[in-house]
Amino acid sequence: MDVVDNDVLSSIIGDIYDCVLNRDGWSSVLTRITQTMDAAYTTIALASASDNHGRFAAQSPWDPERMRALQDYSFDDIPGLKAAVVGDIDTPVSTLSLMPESELQKTPFFQKWAGPQGLREGSIVKFVHTPDRIGLLGCTTLADRPIISAEDQRFLALLSPHLRRAAMIGDLLDDVRVMADLFRESLENLVAPVVLTDATGSVLHANASAERMFATGGPILRQGRTVQAQNPLMADALLQAIASAASDLSVGAKGIGLPVSAVGQPPAVAYVLPLTDGTARAAFRPACAAVFVSTTTSASPLPEAVLTTLFELTPAQARVLMSAGKGLNPSETAASLGISENTLKTHLKRIYAKTGTSRQADLVKLVSDIATPLTTV
């Protein structure tokens, strides 16, 4: 980057403050930062001060699958990230200022994630650091771009205090909202139909698979705003199950399974689960029950979907739980998922905390409890 153009800088800063009132503008702001930096993409991320994983609040356009995979890496896995986290506020850190490029290119992160996408290095500035959260702005460059310069760093440093003020004014990085957005995205990527309802069975959210199910006439229908079983004998039972899940969270991982297909139709089970007071309810308030529909053609991903909804796991944590739940030892689990044993330990620590368990035997029982009714149609 040449010397920062004051007009461009002022314009971007103005856009940052505009996002306090219009949060949808963040993607555009980050795209402008990306263009000014001649970068590949830019992200704003939130990390809990007690956690070593970040969650993107917003990003400029980049491969969404790759970006989701990036969030499975911890601070220790990404070269240079931990230095930014523990370093001074408003002080950018670039990867190649910390290590030679030859060393960077030997890291598992570069070989598995950055290198295959034609990326070179990143520059990260910490703009928020409070007792409960850390805010990070990061730009990542392409391989054919020169290394990040002092002027590039200065540009990010000038943006940092304005990002902090915007965060303080508009709570840009509210962790509940960020996780709610991730939860919504996870539901949309599920093959299984998922319908979230209030206590009376009114549909508050249906993922794409569920919308297709409604459009093709079952096995769960939407009559007006309310879910209805294709099997008329199960109509009242389905609504009663939803009311029970909404009022009695003790149904837990067992849930309530109901045969909902009409006579002569392919077998299907509606699996009704409560939504705990957390991400799911924050994302879809006042939703309090989730209805998963298991059929002969769409049941395979359902156990992971149930785990994600019940315990608010990330996709990576759900995969670890499913593998550990098969009774594999740590080495086998790590190998099957293509991750290190240290990363596995980090995932398991969070899984134990979220599921209220403390050992692998508990996870095996948990997965068995959930999988059994889902595979019995």
Protein backbone atom coordinates (compact mmCIF):
# COMPACT_ATOMS: atom_id res chain seq x y z
CA MET A 1 0.00 0.00 0.00
CA ASP A 2 1.13 3.53 -0.75
CA VAL A 3 0.61 6.26 1.83
CA VAL A 4 -2.94 6.06 3.17
CA ASP A 5 -5.26 8.40 1.29
CA ASN A 6 -6.93 10.58 3.93
CA ASP A 7 -10.16 10.83 1.94
CA VAL A 8 -10.41 7.05 1.64
CA LEU A 9 -9.57 6.63 5.32
CA SER A 10 -12.19 9.19 6.39
CA SER A 11 -14.81 7.59 4.16
CA ILE A 12 -14.21 4.11 5.60
CA ILE A 13 -14.30 5.46 9.15
CA GLY A 14 -17.61 7.15 8.37
CA ASP A 15 -18.97 3.85 7.04
CA ILE A 16 -17.87 2.12 10.25
CA TYR A 17 -19.97 4.49 12.36
CA ASP A 18 -22.89 4.12 9.94
CA CYS A 19 -22.88 0.41 10.77
CA VAL A 20 -23.86 1.24 14.34
CA LEU A 21 -27.34 1.94 12.97
CA ASN A 22 -27.23 -0.48 10.04
CA ARG A 23 -25.42 -3.68 10.94
CA ASP A 24 -25.97 -5.07 7.45
CA GLY A 25 -23.33 -2.62 6.25
CA TRP A 26 -20.39 -4.47 7.79
CA SER A 27 -19.78 -6.72 4.81
CA SER A 28 -19.48 -3.64 2.59
CA VAL A 29 -17.09 -1.94 5.02
CA LEU A 30 -14.89 -5.02 5.18
CA THR A 31 -14.91 -5.26 1.40
CA ARG A 32 -13.65 -1.66 1.21
CA ILE A 33 -10.89 -2.45 3.71
CA THR A 34 -9.96 -5.51 1.64
CA GLN A 35 -9.70 -3.40 -1.51
CA THR A 36 -7.66 -0.69 0.19
CA MET A 37 -5.28 -3.29 1.61
CA ASP A 38 -5.12 -5.20 -1.69
CA ALA A 39 -6.02 -8.24 0.39
CA ALA A 40 -7.92 -11.47 -0.31
CA TYR A 41 -10.50 -10.98 2.43
CA THR A 42 -11.07 -9.23 5.78
CA THR A 43 -12.86 -10.44 8.91
CA ILE A 44 -14.04 -9.05 12.21
CA ALA A 45 -14.06 -11.73 14.89
CA LEU A 46 -15.12 -12.06 18.50
CA ALA A 47 -13.35 -14.30 20.99
CA SER A 48 -14.30 -15.02 24.56
CA ALA A 49 -11.51 -14.04 26.94
CA SER A 50 -11.79 -17.53 28.47
CA ASP A 51 -11.87 -19.34 25.11
CA ASN A 52 -9.23 -19.77 22.44
CA HIS A 53 -11.57 -19.91 19.46
CA GLY A 54 -13.01 -16.98 17.57
CA ARG A 55 -16.34 -16.44 15.86
CA PHE A 56 -16.74 -14.14 12.88
CA ALA A 57 -19.13 -11.25 13.37
CA ALA A 58 -18.74 -10.25 9.70
CA GLN A 59 -16.47 -10.84 6.72
CA SER A 60 -15.87 -9.70 3.17
CA PRO A 61 -16.71 -12.25 0.45
CA TRP A 62 -14.69 -15.47 0.48
CA ASP A 63 -15.39 -19.19 0.15
CA PRO A 64 -18.03 -19.80 2.91
CA GLU A 65 -17.07 -23.45 3.41
CA ARG A 66 -13.43 -22.48 3.89
CA MET A 67 -14.40 -19.75 6.33
CA ARG A 68 -16.46 -22.17 8.41
CA ALA A 69 -13.51 -24.57 8.50
CA LEU A 70 -11.21 -21.74 9.62
CA GLN A 71 -13.22 -21.33 12.80
CA ASP A 72 -12.33 -24.88 13.83
CA TYR A 73 -8.70 -23.77 14.34
CA SER A 74 -7.61 -22.48 17.73
CA PHE A 75 -5.36 -19.48 18.41
CA ASP A 76 -2.40 -21.84 18.75
CA ASP A 77 -3.05 -23.44 15.35
CA ILE A 78 -2.99 -20.23 13.26
CA PRO A 79 0.49 -18.71 12.92
CA GLY A 80 0.61 -15.19 14.35
CA LEU A 81 -2.90 -15.15 15.80
CA LYS A 82 -1.93 -15.73 19.41
CA ALA A 83 0.67 -12.94 19.20
CA ALA A 84 -2.09 -10.51 18.21
CA VAL A 85 -4.37 -11.74 20.98
CA VAL A 86 -1.79 -11.34 23.75
CA GLY A 87 -0.22 -8.22 22.23
CA ASP A 88 -1.09 -4.55 22.65
CA ILE A 89 -4.39 -3.07 21.58
CA ASP A 90 -4.35 -1.00 18.33
CA THR A 91 -1.03 -2.63 17.36
CA PRO A 92 -1.27 -4.77 14.19
CA VAL A 93 0.74 -7.99 13.94
CA SER A 94 1.63 -9.53 10.57
CA THR A 95 2.54 -13.17 10.18
CA LEU A 96 5.80 -12.68 8.30
CA SER A 97 7.03 -10.18 10.90
CA LEU A 98 7.02 -13.08 13.35
CA MET A 99 8.53 -15.91 11.30
CA PRO A 100 10.33 -16.56 8.01
CA GLU A 101 8.07 -17.47 5.10
CA SER A 102 9.81 -20.83 4.74
CA GLU A 103 8.84 -21.67 8.32
CA LEU A 104 5.26 -20.48 7.81
CA GLN A 105 4.86 -22.70 4.76
CA LYS A 106 5.83 -25.79 6.78
CA THR A 107 3.01 -25.31 9.30
CA PRO A 108 -0.03 -27.65 9.12
CA PHE A 109 -2.32 -24.61 8.96
CA PHE A 110 -0.60 -23.26 5.84
CA GLN A 111 -0.33 -26.64 4.14
CA LYS A 112 -3.94 -27.66 4.79
CA TRP A 113 -5.81 -24.35 4.72
CA ALA A 114 -3.98 -21.23 3.55
CA GLY A 115 -1.66 -22.63 0.88
CA PRO A 116 -4.33 -24.50 -1.15
CA GLN A 117 -6.30 -21.25 -1.45
CA GLY A 118 -3.34 -19.28 -2.76
CA LEU A 119 -2.99 -17.18 0.40
CA ARG A 120 0.23 -15.73 1.80
CA GLU A 121 -0.03 -14.10 5.23
CA GLY A 122 -2.32 -12.19 7.55
CA SER A 123 -2.29 -8.99 9.56
CA ILE A 124 -4.42 -8.75 12.70
CA VAL A 125 -5.17 -5.82 14.98
CA LYS A 126 -6.84 -6.18 18.38
CA PHE A 127 -9.30 -3.34 18.86
CA VAL A 128 -11.24 -4.55 21.90
CA HIS A 129 -9.94 -6.34 25.00
CA THR A 130 -12.26 -6.46 28.02
CA PRO A 131 -12.53 -9.04 30.82
CA ASP A 132 -15.02 -11.07 28.77
CA ARG A 133 -14.19 -10.50 25.13
CA ILE A 134 -11.52 -9.75 22.54
CA GLY A 135 -12.27 -8.06 19.21
CA LEU A 136 -10.00 -8.67 16.21
CA LEU A 137 -9.83 -7.23 12.70
CA GLY A 138 -7.82 -9.34 10.27
CA CYS A 139 -6.76 -9.02 6.63
CA THR A 140 -5.33 -11.96 4.69
CA THR A 141 -3.34 -11.49 1.49
CA LEU A 142 -2.85 -13.52 -1.67
CA ALA A 143 0.40 -15.25 -2.56
CA ASP A 144 1.16 -12.93 -5.48
CA ARG A 145 1.05 -9.80 -3.28
CA PRO A 146 4.13 -8.27 -1.59
CA ILE A 147 4.49 -8.84 2.14
CA ILE A 148 2.42 -6.62 4.41
CA SER A 149 4.14 -3.26 4.78
CA ALA A 150 4.48 -0.76 7.59
CA GLU A 151 1.97 1.48 5.78
CA ASP A 152 -0.52 -1.42 5.63
CA GLN A 153 -0.07 -1.83 9.37
CA ARG A 154 -0.54 1.88 9.94
CA PHE A 155 -3.83 1.81 8.02
CA LEU A 156 -5.19 -0.94 10.27
CA ALA A 157 -3.92 0.85 13.38
CA LEU A 158 -5.81 4.00 12.34
CA LEU A 159 -9.05 2.03 11.93
CA SER A 160 -8.73 0.20 15.24
CA PRO A 161 -9.90 2.90 17.71
CA HIS A 162 -12.92 3.68 15.52
CA LEU A 163 -13.89 0.02 15.47
CA ARG A 164 -13.63 0.01 19.26
CA ARG A 165 -15.89 3.06 19.60
CA ALA A 166 -18.40 1.58 17.17
CA ALA A 167 -18.37 -1.65 19.16
CA MET A 168 -18.98 0.23 22.38
CA ILE A 169 -21.82 2.28 20.87
CA GLY A 170 -23.60 -0.43 18.92
CA ASP A 171 -22.32 -3.60 20.60
CA LEU A 172 -21.14 -4.78 17.19
CA LEU A 173 -19.73 -7.99 18.54
CA ASP A 174 -22.55 -9.08 20.82
CA ASP A 175 -21.69 -12.74 21.32
CA VAL A 176 -25.28 -13.95 21.50
CA ARG A 177 -26.10 -12.41 18.13
CA VAL A 178 -22.93 -13.76 16.53
CA MET A 179 -23.62 -17.27 17.76
CA ALA A 180 -27.27 -16.91 16.72
CA ASP A 181 -26.17 -16.12 13.17
CA LEU A 182 -23.93 -19.19 13.17
CA PHE A 183 -26.79 -21.29 14.49
CA ARG A 184 -29.09 -20.10 11.70
CA GLU A 185 -26.42 -20.89 9.12
CA SER A 186 -25.92 -24.39 10.57
CA LEU A 187 -29.63 -25.16 10.31
CA GLU A 188 -29.78 -24.07 6.69
CA ASN A 189 -26.97 -26.48 5.78
CA LEU A 190 -28.73 -29.54 7.22
CA VAL A 191 -30.23 -32.11 4.86
CA ALA A 192 -32.83 -33.09 7.43
CA PRO A 193 -35.99 -30.96 7.70
CA VAL A 194 -35.92 -28.90 10.90
CA VAL A 195 -38.84 -26.79 12.12
CA LEU A 196 -38.63 -24.51 15.17
CA THR A 197 -41.92 -23.66 16.86
CA ASP A 198 -43.38 -21.91 19.85
CA ALA A 199 -45.26 -23.84 22.55
CA THR A 200 -48.45 -23.95 20.46
CA GLY A 201 -46.81 -25.39 17.35
CA SER A 202 -46.66 -22.14 15.36
CA VAL A 203 -43.75 -22.23 12.89
CA LEU A 204 -41.14 -19.59 13.69
CA HIS A 205 -38.40 -20.93 11.44
CA ALA A 206 -38.08 -23.74 8.91
CA ASN A 207 -34.82 -24.58 7.17
CA ALA A 208 -34.66 -25.06 3.41
CA SER A 209 -35.24 -28.81 3.68
CA ALA A 210 -38.35 -28.22 5.79
CA GLU A 211 -39.69 -25.68 3.33
CA ARG A 212 -39.32 -28.26 0.56
CA MET A 213 -41.13 -30.78 2.75
CA PHE A 214 -44.04 -28.36 3.25
CA ALA A 215 -44.18 -27.68 -0.49
CA THR A 216 -44.35 -31.38 -1.38
CA GLY A 217 -47.01 -32.27 1.17
CA GLY A 218 -45.42 -33.97 4.11
CA PRO A 219 -44.80 -35.91 6.21
CA ILE A 220 -45.13 -32.72 8.29
CA LEU A 221 -47.46 -30.07 6.90
CA ARG A 222 -47.94 -26.39 7.66
CA GLN A 223 -51.58 -25.47 8.07
CA GLY A 224 -51.66 -21.70 8.27
CA ARG A 225 -48.89 -21.02 10.77
CA THR A 226 -49.12 -24.33 12.64
CA VAL A 227 -47.35 -27.65 12.05
CA GLN A 228 -49.52 -30.69 11.42
CA ALA A 229 -48.73 -34.37 10.99
CA GLN A 230 -49.60 -35.94 7.66
CA ASN A 231 -50.97 -38.85 9.70
CA PRO A 232 -54.25 -37.47 11.13
CA LEU A 233 -54.02 -39.85 14.09
CA MET A 234 -50.83 -38.06 15.17
CA ALA A 235 -52.07 -34.46 14.73
CA ASP A 236 -52.95 -33.88 18.40
CA ALA A 237 -50.02 -35.98 19.63
CA LEU A 238 -47.54 -33.82 17.70
CA LEU A 239 -48.87 -30.60 19.21
CA GLN A 240 -48.91 -32.18 22.67
CA ALA A 241 -45.30 -33.30 22.22
CA ILE A 242 -44.31 -29.76 21.26
CA ALA A 243 -46.11 -28.32 24.29
CA SER A 244 -44.40 -30.90 26.52
CA ALA A 245 -40.94 -30.11 25.11
CA ALA A 246 -41.61 -26.40 25.59
CA SER A 247 -42.62 -26.73 29.21
CA ASP A 248 -40.53 -29.66 30.39
CA LEU A 249 -36.85 -29.49 29.45
CA SER A 250 -36.29 -32.76 31.34
CA VAL A 251 -37.25 -34.68 28.18
CA GLY A 252 -33.65 -33.90 27.22
CA ALA A 253 -31.70 -36.04 24.77
CA LYS A 254 -34.39 -38.73 24.63
CA GLY A 255 -36.83 -36.29 23.09
CA ILE A 256 -40.23 -37.41 21.87
CA GLY A 257 -40.52 -39.48 18.68
CA LEU A 258 -43.81 -39.77 16.78
CA PRO A 259 -44.71 -41.67 13.58
CA VAL A 260 -46.15 -38.90 11.40
CA SER A 261 -46.49 -40.35 7.88
CA ALA A 262 -49.93 -41.21 6.52
CA VAL A 263 -50.95 -44.78 5.67
CA GLY A 264 -49.28 -45.89 2.44
CA GLN A 265 -46.60 -43.19 2.62
CA PRO A 266 -42.88 -43.78 3.31
CA PRO A 267 -42.23 -44.18 7.05
CA ALA A 268 -41.23 -41.01 8.90
CA VAL A 269 -40.69 -39.99 12.50
CA ALA A 270 -41.00 -36.48 13.92
CA TYR A 271 -38.46 -36.09 16.70
CA VAL A 272 -39.45 -33.26 19.07
CA LEU A 273 -36.75 -31.67 21.22
CA PRO A 274 -36.69 -28.75 23.66
CA LEU A 275 -34.56 -25.68 22.97
CA THR A 276 -32.47 -24.69 25.96
CA ASP A 277 -32.10 -21.11 27.15
CA GLY A 278 -29.19 -20.12 24.96
CA THR A 279 -28.23 -19.67 21.34
CA ALA A 280 -31.24 -21.37 19.78
CA ARG A 281 -33.77 -19.34 21.75
CA ALA A 282 -31.78 -16.16 21.21
CA ALA A 283 -31.74 -16.79 17.47
CA PHE A 284 -35.39 -17.71 17.08
CA ARG A 285 -37.14 -16.19 20.09
CA PRO A 286 -39.80 -17.19 21.16
CA ALA A 287 -39.06 -20.64 19.70
CA CYS A 288 -38.89 -23.29 22.40
CA ALA A 289 -39.16 -26.61 20.52
CA ALA A 290 -37.42 -28.15 17.52
CA VAL A 291 -39.03 -30.75 15.27
CA PHE A 292 -36.60 -32.90 13.28
CA VAL A 293 -38.13 -35.09 10.58
CA SER A 294 -36.43 -38.43 9.92
CA THR A 295 -37.32 -40.25 6.69
CA THR A 296 -35.75 -43.04 4.67
CA THR A 297 -34.18 -40.45 2.37
CA SER A 298 -33.10 -37.73 4.78
CA ALA A 299 -32.19 -39.35 8.07
CA SER A 300 -28.43 -39.78 7.76
CA PRO A 301 -27.26 -36.40 9.13
CA LEU A 302 -29.90 -36.20 11.83
CA PRO A 303 -27.93 -37.29 14.94
CA GLU A 304 -25.39 -34.48 14.42
CA ALA A 305 -28.25 -32.04 13.85
CA VAL A 306 -29.88 -33.11 17.10
CA LEU A 307 -26.61 -32.73 19.00
CA THR A 308 -26.03 -29.29 17.50
CA THR A 309 -29.47 -28.09 18.54
CA LEU A 310 -29.62 -29.70 21.98
CA PHE A 311 -26.20 -28.63 23.16
CA GLU A 312 -25.34 -25.69 20.86
CA LEU A 313 -22.25 -27.39 19.50
CA THR A 314 -20.26 -26.11 16.56
CA PRO A 315 -20.21 -28.45 13.52
CA ALA A 316 -16.67 -29.50 14.45
CA GLN A 317 -17.69 -30.29 18.03
CA ALA A 318 -20.66 -32.33 16.80
CA ARG A 319 -18.34 -34.39 14.59
CA VAL A 320 -15.97 -34.99 17.51
CA LEU A 321 -18.86 -36.02 19.76
CA MET A 322 -20.19 -38.47 17.16
CA SER A 323 -16.75 -40.05 16.76
CA ALA A 324 -15.98 -40.19 20.46
CA GLY A 325 -19.48 -41.56 21.02
CA LYS A 326 -18.56 -44.61 18.95
CA GLY A 327 -16.03 -45.56 21.62
CA LEU A 328 -12.93 -44.70 19.60
CA ASN A 329 -9.84 -43.85 21.62
CA PRO A 330 -8.36 -40.33 21.31
CA SER A 331 -5.77 -41.33 18.70
CA GLU A 332 -8.39 -43.05 16.57
CA THR A 333 -10.83 -40.17 16.91
CA ALA A 334 -8.21 -37.57 15.96
CA ALA A 335 -7.06 -39.64 12.98
CA SER A 336 -10.61 -40.21 11.72
CA LEU A 337 -11.30 -36.46 11.80
CA GLY A 338 -7.92 -35.35 10.46
CA ILE A 339 -7.09 -33.19 13.49
CA SER A 340 -4.33 -33.21 16.11
CA GLU A 341 -4.84 -34.77 19.52
CA ASN A 342 -4.34 -31.33 21.11
CA THR A 343 -7.16 -29.92 19.00
CA LEU A 344 -9.26 -32.96 19.94
CA LYS A 345 -8.64 -32.29 23.64
CA THR A 346 -9.76 -28.69 23.18
CA HIS A 347 -12.98 -29.80 21.47
CA LEU A 348 -13.66 -32.45 24.14
CA LYS A 349 -13.21 -29.93 26.94
CA ARG A 350 -15.94 -27.74 25.42
CA ILE A 351 -18.15 -30.73 24.63
CA TYR A 352 -18.00 -31.93 28.25
CA ALA A 353 -18.92 -28.45 29.46
CA LYS A 354 -21.83 -28.06 27.02
CA THR A 355 -23.27 -31.55 27.53
CA GLY A 356 -22.80 -31.73 31.29
CA THR A 357 -20.60 -34.82 31.01
CA SER A 358 -17.11 -35.57 32.26
CA ARG A 359 -15.84 -38.72 30.53
CA GLN A 360 -16.00 -40.58 27.25
CA ALA A 361 -18.35 -43.25 28.60
CA ASP A 362 -20.92 -40.49 29.19
CA LEU A 363 -20.54 -39.39 25.55
CA VAL A 364 -21.03 -42.95 24.29
CA LYS A 365 -24.29 -43.23 26.24
CA LEU A 366 -25.40 -39.78 25.08
CA VAL A 367 -24.89 -40.60 21.41
CA SER A 368 -26.60 -43.97 21.87
CA ASP A 369 -29.62 -42.35 23.52
CA ILE A 370 -30.01 -39.94 20.62
CA ALA A 371 -29.19 -42.27 17.73
CA THR A 372 -31.48 -45.13 18.79
CA PRO A 373 -34.85 -43.42 18.32
CA LEU A 374 -33.62 -41.74 15.14
CA THR A 375 -32.75 -45.01 13.46
CA THR A 376 -35.94 -46.76 14.51
CA VAL A 377 -38.57 -45.91 11.93
